[in-house]
Amino acid sequence: LASGATLLLYDGNPFVAGGRILFDYADAEGMTHFGTSAKFIDAAAKADLIPRASHDLGQLRAMFSTGSPLAPEGFDYVYRDIKPDLHLASISGGTDIVSCFVLGNPGAPVYRGEIQCRGLGMAVEVFDEAGQPVRGAKGELVCTRPFPAMPVGFWNDPDGARYRAAYFERFPGVWHHGDFCEITARDGIVIYGRSDATLNPGGVRIGTAEIYRQVERLPDVMESIIVGQDWEHDVRVILFVRLREGLELDDGLRERIRRAIRDNATPRHVPAKILQVTDIPRTKSGKIVELAVREVVHGRPVRNVEALANPEALEQYRDRPELREGG
């Protein structure tokens, strides 16, 4: 703002006017940087929008994606159907740090499916379960040194106990952010989902984004949400899908979903149950809430219901007979 930038804000459904409204806005105002979510990019692709054919977007230089991991297919869509010569920056950080741990770099290449680099002033590493830094392997996103945007504490936490419990208990003295991710051979970053939502069937850790990527490539599936259900001294994967309007989930589509996951991930990723819903609960900022669904599936109360934009959607996940059956 100090440099003279102007903020362009939109509050409402981004798919009114046939999904054109944000691109209309970009053209009308000469937008240079378009901030959005991975879910919006995926939904625009599902809706077969081709903004580069319907809009000028001549001044648009960058598109920022956050809120959840951007799948490789999302990168394909942006460069193919929105604009081939913009800078696509998938970014990840947090409201709590008012910044990004990993983000884009306009002076470096963009690789499909990867966040480009770690942020300036951020000593980001990926730790394994033993607290050792790893490359080319999945682990926990940590920041090993203090950083400029580090919060100094929480309100109503006079001795700092809640603050330390939130960030420093897993690896003493090291900020543990709660993302399950990997640093690649190119020094890029791939985020597989939140650590607290990571699935663990048979003791194998699976990031939810690994399954979302395969499921949501199918044209019949608009979006999905995955949780782990405690079952017979283990955890089984439960997948809920929201389909295109008018479609019903049948055995044929279930098999296509399972085959897509099995062929492109591993048999461990294949859900034990696939169930249809008409709505997926999300926060007021648009993030799907896997933890809330997991609590409802287990019959436990959901905390922070007031943070949800559509808390009534949780009722679709409560007391489902299919979740009491084997399979």
Protein backbone atom coordinates (compact mmCIF):
# COMPACT_ATOMS: atom_id res chain seq x y z
CA LEU A 1 0.00 0.00 0.00
CA ALA A 2 2.88 2.36 0.72
CA SER A 3 4.05 1.90 -2.87
CA GLY A 4 0.75 3.19 -4.21
CA ALA A 5 -0.97 -0.12 -4.83
CA THR A 6 -4.76 -0.29 -4.79
CA LEU A 7 -6.59 -3.20 -3.18
CA LEU A 8 -9.45 -4.67 -5.22
CA LEU A 9 -11.85 -6.63 -3.00
CA TYR A 10 -14.82 -8.84 -3.84
CA ASP A 11 -17.27 -10.17 -1.28
CA GLY A 12 -19.73 -12.70 -2.68
CA ASN A 13 -20.19 -15.76 -4.82
CA PRO A 14 -17.41 -15.87 -7.44
CA PHE A 15 -19.59 -17.97 -9.75
CA VAL A 16 -22.40 -15.53 -10.34
CA ALA A 17 -22.58 -14.33 -13.97
CA GLY A 18 -21.49 -17.75 -15.15
CA GLY A 19 -18.20 -17.56 -13.26
CA ARG A 20 -17.08 -14.47 -15.23
CA ILE A 21 -17.43 -11.85 -12.52
CA LEU A 22 -13.87 -11.85 -11.17
CA PHE A 23 -12.41 -11.79 -14.66
CA ASP A 24 -14.82 -8.97 -15.59
CA TYR A 25 -13.53 -7.15 -12.50
CA ALA A 26 -9.91 -7.78 -13.54
CA ASP A 27 -10.50 -6.27 -16.98
CA ALA A 28 -12.56 -3.33 -15.73
CA GLU A 29 -9.99 -2.26 -13.13
CA GLY A 30 -6.78 -3.23 -14.92
CA MET A 31 -5.93 -5.76 -12.21
CA THR A 32 -2.24 -6.71 -12.07
CA HIS A 33 -2.24 -9.32 -9.28
CA PHE A 34 -5.14 -11.77 -8.88
CA GLY A 35 -5.34 -13.45 -5.48
CA THR A 36 -7.58 -16.49 -5.25
CA SER A 37 -7.84 -20.03 -3.91
CA ALA A 38 -6.89 -23.41 -5.29
CA LYS A 39 -10.57 -24.35 -4.97
CA PHE A 40 -11.61 -21.44 -7.21
CA ILE A 41 -9.07 -22.49 -9.85
CA ASP A 42 -10.27 -26.09 -9.70
CA ALA A 43 -13.94 -25.04 -9.85
CA ALA A 44 -13.29 -22.74 -12.82
CA ALA A 45 -11.64 -25.64 -14.64
CA LYS A 46 -14.61 -27.90 -13.81
CA ALA A 47 -16.94 -25.24 -15.19
CA ASP A 48 -14.97 -25.21 -18.47
CA LEU A 49 -14.22 -21.50 -18.18
CA ILE A 50 -11.63 -20.21 -20.66
CA PRO A 51 -10.96 -16.62 -19.54
CA ARG A 52 -8.18 -16.07 -22.08
CA ALA A 53 -10.82 -16.47 -24.82
CA SER A 54 -13.46 -14.25 -23.20
CA HIS A 55 -11.36 -11.56 -21.51
CA ASP A 56 -8.40 -9.36 -22.27
CA LEU A 57 -6.49 -9.63 -18.94
CA GLY A 58 -3.82 -7.50 -20.58
CA GLN A 59 -2.45 -6.00 -17.36
CA LEU A 60 -2.59 -9.18 -15.29
CA ARG A 61 0.96 -10.15 -14.32
CA ALA A 62 0.51 -12.58 -11.43
CA MET A 63 -1.99 -14.99 -9.94
CA PHE A 64 -1.65 -16.07 -6.32
CA SER A 65 -3.26 -19.29 -5.08
CA THR A 66 -3.67 -20.26 -1.44
CA GLY A 67 -6.09 -21.87 1.03
CA SER A 68 -5.23 -25.45 0.05
CA PRO A 69 -2.61 -27.15 -2.14
CA LEU A 70 -2.87 -26.35 -5.84
CA ALA A 71 -2.83 -29.59 -7.82
CA PRO A 72 -0.54 -29.92 -10.86
CA GLU A 73 -3.64 -29.90 -13.06
CA GLY A 74 -4.45 -26.45 -11.62
CA PHE A 75 -1.13 -25.16 -12.95
CA ASP A 76 -2.00 -26.64 -16.37
CA TYR A 77 -5.39 -24.91 -16.36
CA VAL A 78 -4.05 -21.48 -15.42
CA TYR A 79 -1.39 -21.43 -18.12
CA ARG A 80 -3.59 -23.03 -20.77
CA ASP A 81 -6.94 -21.30 -20.18
CA ILE A 82 -6.34 -18.12 -18.15
CA LYS A 83 -3.06 -16.59 -19.36
CA PRO A 84 0.13 -18.24 -20.63
CA ASP A 85 2.56 -15.48 -19.62
CA LEU A 86 1.61 -14.62 -16.04
CA HIS A 87 3.45 -15.60 -12.87
CA LEU A 88 1.49 -18.32 -11.04
CA ALA A 89 2.48 -18.33 -7.38
CA SER A 90 1.10 -21.02 -5.12
CA ILE A 91 1.70 -19.72 -1.59
CA SER A 92 1.33 -21.05 1.94
CA GLY A 93 1.66 -19.48 5.34
CA GLY A 94 -0.93 -18.54 7.89
CA THR A 95 -3.16 -15.93 9.42
CA ASP A 96 -1.15 -16.31 12.61
CA ILE A 97 2.11 -15.24 10.96
CA VAL A 98 0.49 -12.67 8.61
CA SER A 99 2.81 -13.89 5.87
CA CYS A 100 4.08 -16.94 3.98
CA PHE A 101 6.60 -19.61 4.87
CA VAL A 102 6.76 -20.71 1.22
CA LEU A 103 5.73 -18.66 -1.78
CA GLY A 104 6.41 -17.52 -5.33
CA ASN A 105 9.45 -15.82 -6.86
CA PRO A 106 8.88 -13.83 -10.05
CA GLY A 107 12.56 -14.21 -10.98
CA ALA A 108 12.61 -18.01 -10.93
CA PRO A 109 10.96 -20.79 -12.96
CA VAL A 110 7.52 -22.16 -12.05
CA TYR A 111 7.44 -25.95 -11.95
CA ARG A 112 4.15 -27.77 -12.28
CA GLY A 113 2.77 -28.78 -8.87
CA GLU A 114 5.47 -27.06 -6.80
CA ILE A 115 5.61 -23.96 -4.65
CA GLN A 116 8.71 -22.15 -5.85
CA CYS A 117 10.72 -21.29 -2.77
CA ARG A 118 10.95 -20.54 0.92
CA GLY A 119 10.29 -17.02 2.12
CA LEU A 120 13.00 -14.47 2.88
CA GLY A 121 13.78 -14.50 6.58
CA MET A 122 12.16 -17.94 6.98
CA ALA A 123 14.49 -20.81 8.00
CA VAL A 124 12.02 -23.40 6.72
CA GLU A 125 12.91 -27.09 6.81
CA VAL A 126 11.03 -30.38 6.61
CA PHE A 127 11.58 -32.63 9.65
CA ASP A 128 11.02 -36.37 9.86
CA GLU A 129 9.46 -38.01 12.92
CA ALA A 130 12.82 -37.95 14.70
CA GLY A 131 13.18 -34.20 14.18
CA GLN A 132 15.86 -34.49 11.49
CA PRO A 133 15.79 -32.41 8.27
CA VAL A 134 14.99 -34.38 5.12
CA ARG A 135 14.93 -33.74 1.37
CA GLY A 136 12.81 -35.62 -1.14
CA ALA A 137 10.73 -37.17 1.65
CA LYS A 138 7.49 -36.19 3.33
CA GLY A 139 7.54 -34.65 6.77
CA GLU A 140 6.58 -31.70 8.94
CA LEU A 141 7.05 -28.07 7.92
CA VAL A 142 9.09 -26.29 10.58
CA CYS A 143 10.89 -22.98 10.95
CA THR A 144 14.12 -23.52 12.88
CA ARG A 145 14.90 -19.88 13.76
CA PRO A 146 12.87 -16.84 14.84
CA PHE A 147 11.42 -14.90 11.92
CA PRO A 148 10.28 -11.31 11.41
CA ALA A 149 6.54 -12.06 11.44
CA MET A 150 6.57 -14.46 14.41
CA PRO A 151 3.78 -13.65 16.88
CA VAL A 152 5.05 -12.89 20.36
CA GLY A 153 2.17 -14.57 22.16
CA PHE A 154 -1.55 -15.10 22.56
CA TRP A 155 -4.09 -12.95 24.31
CA ASN A 156 -5.22 -14.25 27.71
CA ASP A 157 -2.17 -16.51 27.96
CA PRO A 158 -0.12 -14.80 30.67
CA ASP A 159 2.50 -17.52 31.12
CA GLY A 160 2.74 -18.41 27.40
CA ALA A 161 1.62 -22.01 27.93
CA ARG A 162 -0.96 -22.01 25.13
CA TYR A 163 1.45 -20.33 22.75
CA ARG A 164 4.20 -22.89 23.41
CA ALA A 165 1.72 -25.76 23.12
CA ALA A 166 0.49 -24.51 19.76
CA TYR A 167 3.89 -24.27 18.06
CA PHE A 168 6.82 -25.60 20.10
CA GLU A 169 5.80 -28.87 21.79
CA ARG A 170 6.37 -31.22 18.83
CA PHE A 171 10.00 -30.15 18.29
CA PRO A 172 11.30 -28.20 21.32
CA GLY A 173 12.54 -24.74 20.38
CA VAL A 174 11.44 -25.13 16.74
CA TRP A 175 8.26 -23.67 15.23
CA HIS A 176 6.06 -26.56 14.04
CA HIS A 177 3.45 -25.18 11.66
CA GLY A 178 1.30 -28.27 11.10
CA ASP A 179 1.73 -28.78 7.33
CA PHE A 180 2.68 -32.18 5.86
CA CYS A 181 5.04 -31.45 3.00
CA GLU A 182 8.24 -32.16 1.06
CA ILE A 183 11.22 -30.17 -0.22
CA THR A 184 11.95 -31.29 -3.78
CA ALA A 185 15.24 -31.77 -5.61
CA ARG A 186 14.73 -28.29 -7.16
CA ASP A 187 14.37 -26.79 -3.67
CA GLY A 188 10.66 -26.27 -4.30
CA ILE A 189 7.95 -27.33 -1.86
CA VAL A 190 4.97 -29.64 -2.23
CA ILE A 191 2.32 -29.49 0.51
CA TYR A 192 0.20 -32.62 0.99
CA GLY A 193 -2.27 -31.22 3.52
CA ARG A 194 -2.54 -30.37 7.18
CA SER A 195 -0.65 -32.63 9.57
CA ASP A 196 -3.64 -32.91 11.90
CA ALA A 197 -5.78 -34.11 8.96
CA THR A 198 -3.18 -36.58 7.68
CA LEU A 199 -4.55 -40.10 7.23
CA ASN A 200 -2.77 -43.04 8.82
CA PRO A 201 -4.21 -46.36 7.54
CA GLY A 202 -2.00 -49.28 8.53
CA GLY A 203 0.53 -46.88 10.00
CA VAL A 204 1.29 -45.23 6.63
CA ARG A 205 0.94 -41.42 6.60
CA ILE A 206 -1.03 -40.09 3.64
CA GLY A 207 -1.66 -36.42 2.90
CA THR A 208 -5.26 -35.69 1.97
CA ALA A 209 -4.18 -33.64 -1.06
CA GLU A 210 -2.74 -36.83 -2.58
CA ILE A 211 -6.27 -38.25 -2.79
CA TYR A 212 -8.06 -35.01 -3.66
CA ARG A 213 -5.87 -34.65 -6.73
CA GLN A 214 -6.97 -37.98 -8.16
CA VAL A 215 -10.65 -37.74 -7.22
CA GLU A 216 -11.26 -34.23 -8.47
CA ARG A 217 -9.74 -34.97 -11.88
CA LEU A 218 -12.90 -36.96 -12.59
CA PRO A 219 -15.45 -34.77 -14.40
CA ASP A 220 -18.40 -36.14 -12.38
CA VAL A 221 -16.88 -35.04 -9.04
CA MET A 222 -17.15 -31.34 -8.22
CA GLU A 223 -15.32 -31.57 -4.90
CA SER A 224 -14.63 -33.97 -2.06
CA ILE A 225 -13.60 -34.24 1.56
CA ILE A 226 -11.61 -37.07 3.17
CA VAL A 227 -11.34 -38.16 6.78
CA GLY A 228 -9.88 -41.05 8.70
CA GLN A 229 -12.34 -43.13 10.75
CA ASP A 230 -11.15 -45.21 13.70
CA TRP A 231 -12.09 -48.78 12.80
CA GLU A 232 -11.14 -52.16 14.30
CA HIS A 233 -7.95 -50.92 15.99
CA ASP A 234 -6.83 -49.11 12.82
CA VAL A 235 -7.90 -46.16 10.67
CA ARG A 236 -9.87 -46.46 7.45
CA VAL A 237 -10.22 -43.76 4.81
CA ILE A 238 -13.70 -42.32 4.22
CA LEU A 239 -14.29 -40.21 1.11
CA PHE A 240 -17.33 -37.95 0.71
CA VAL A 241 -18.01 -36.57 -2.77
CA ARG A 242 -20.18 -33.77 -4.11
CA LEU A 243 -21.16 -34.61 -7.67
CA ARG A 244 -22.35 -32.57 -10.62
CA GLU A 245 -25.96 -31.55 -10.26
CA GLY A 246 -28.36 -34.36 -11.09
CA LEU A 247 -25.85 -37.21 -10.69
CA GLU A 248 -26.20 -40.06 -8.21
CA LEU A 249 -23.29 -42.02 -6.81
CA ASP A 250 -23.55 -45.63 -8.01
CA ASP A 251 -21.24 -48.65 -7.95
CA GLY A 252 -19.85 -47.81 -11.37
CA LEU A 253 -18.72 -44.33 -10.34
CA ARG A 254 -17.38 -45.67 -7.05
CA GLU A 255 -15.24 -48.13 -8.99
CA ARG A 256 -13.98 -45.40 -11.33
CA ILE A 257 -12.98 -43.31 -8.30
CA ARG A 258 -11.21 -46.24 -6.66
CA ARG A 259 -9.42 -47.14 -9.91
CA ALA A 260 -8.23 -43.55 -10.45
CA ILE A 261 -6.78 -43.48 -6.93
CA ARG A 262 -5.26 -46.95 -7.12
CA ASP A 263 -3.68 -46.40 -10.55
CA ASN A 264 -2.27 -42.94 -9.83
CA ALA A 265 -1.43 -43.20 -6.13
CA THR A 266 -1.24 -46.54 -4.23
CA PRO A 267 -3.69 -49.18 -2.94
CA ARG A 268 -3.21 -47.64 0.54
CA HIS A 269 -4.85 -44.44 -0.72
CA VAL A 270 -8.06 -46.18 -1.82
CA PRO A 271 -10.99 -45.27 0.49
CA ALA A 272 -12.83 -47.96 2.40
CA LYS A 273 -16.10 -46.05 1.89
CA ILE A 274 -17.20 -43.54 -0.74
CA LEU A 275 -20.37 -41.62 0.14
CA GLN A 276 -22.32 -38.84 -1.55
CA VAL A 277 -23.13 -35.46 0.02
CA THR A 278 -24.67 -32.32 -1.41
CA ASP A 279 -22.60 -29.85 0.60
CA ILE A 280 -19.13 -29.71 2.14
CA PRO A 281 -18.58 -27.67 5.31
CA ARG A 282 -16.06 -24.87 5.04
CA THR A 283 -14.78 -21.91 6.97
CA LYS A 284 -15.86 -18.37 6.22
CA SER A 285 -12.61 -18.00 4.25
CA GLY A 286 -13.56 -20.98 2.08
CA LYS A 287 -11.36 -23.75 3.49
CA ILE A 288 -12.92 -27.19 3.83
CA VAL A 289 -12.92 -28.46 7.40
CA GLU A 290 -11.72 -32.05 7.52
CA LEU A 291 -11.32 -32.00 11.31
CA ALA A 292 -14.93 -30.96 11.91
CA VAL A 293 -16.19 -33.76 9.66
CA ARG A 294 -13.93 -36.24 11.42
CA GLU A 295 -15.38 -35.24 14.78
CA VAL A 296 -18.96 -35.61 13.51
CA VAL A 297 -18.17 -39.03 11.98
CA HIS A 298 -16.94 -40.16 15.41
CA GLY A 299 -19.93 -38.67 17.24
CA ARG A 300 -17.86 -36.05 19.00
CA PRO A 301 -18.73 -32.37 19.46
CA VAL A 302 -17.26 -29.89 16.98
CA ARG A 303 -15.33 -26.95 18.37
CA ASN A 304 -15.40 -23.53 16.75
CA VAL A 305 -18.66 -24.14 14.88
CA GLU A 306 -19.01 -20.36 14.75
CA ALA A 307 -16.05 -20.27 12.32
CA LEU A 308 -18.01 -22.23 9.71
CA ALA A 309 -19.82 -20.52 6.85
CA ASN A 310 -22.29 -23.41 6.51
CA PRO A 311 -22.41 -25.39 9.79
CA GLU A 312 -25.72 -26.99 8.72
CA ALA A 313 -23.74 -29.06 6.19
CA LEU A 314 -22.31 -31.13 9.06
CA GLU A 315 -25.68 -32.83 9.53
CA GLN A 316 -25.12 -34.80 6.31
CA TYR A 317 -22.17 -36.56 7.96
CA ARG A 318 -23.85 -37.39 11.26
CA ASP A 319 -25.13 -40.89 12.15
CA ARG A 320 -24.76 -42.33 8.66
CA PRO A 321 -25.50 -46.06 8.74
CA GLU A 322 -22.81 -46.77 6.14
CA LEU A 323 -20.19 -45.67 8.67
CA ARG A 324 -21.25 -48.42 11.06
CA GLU A 325 -20.76 -51.13 8.44
CA GLY A 326 -17.64 -53.01 7.43
CA GLY A 327 -16.11 -52.77 3.99
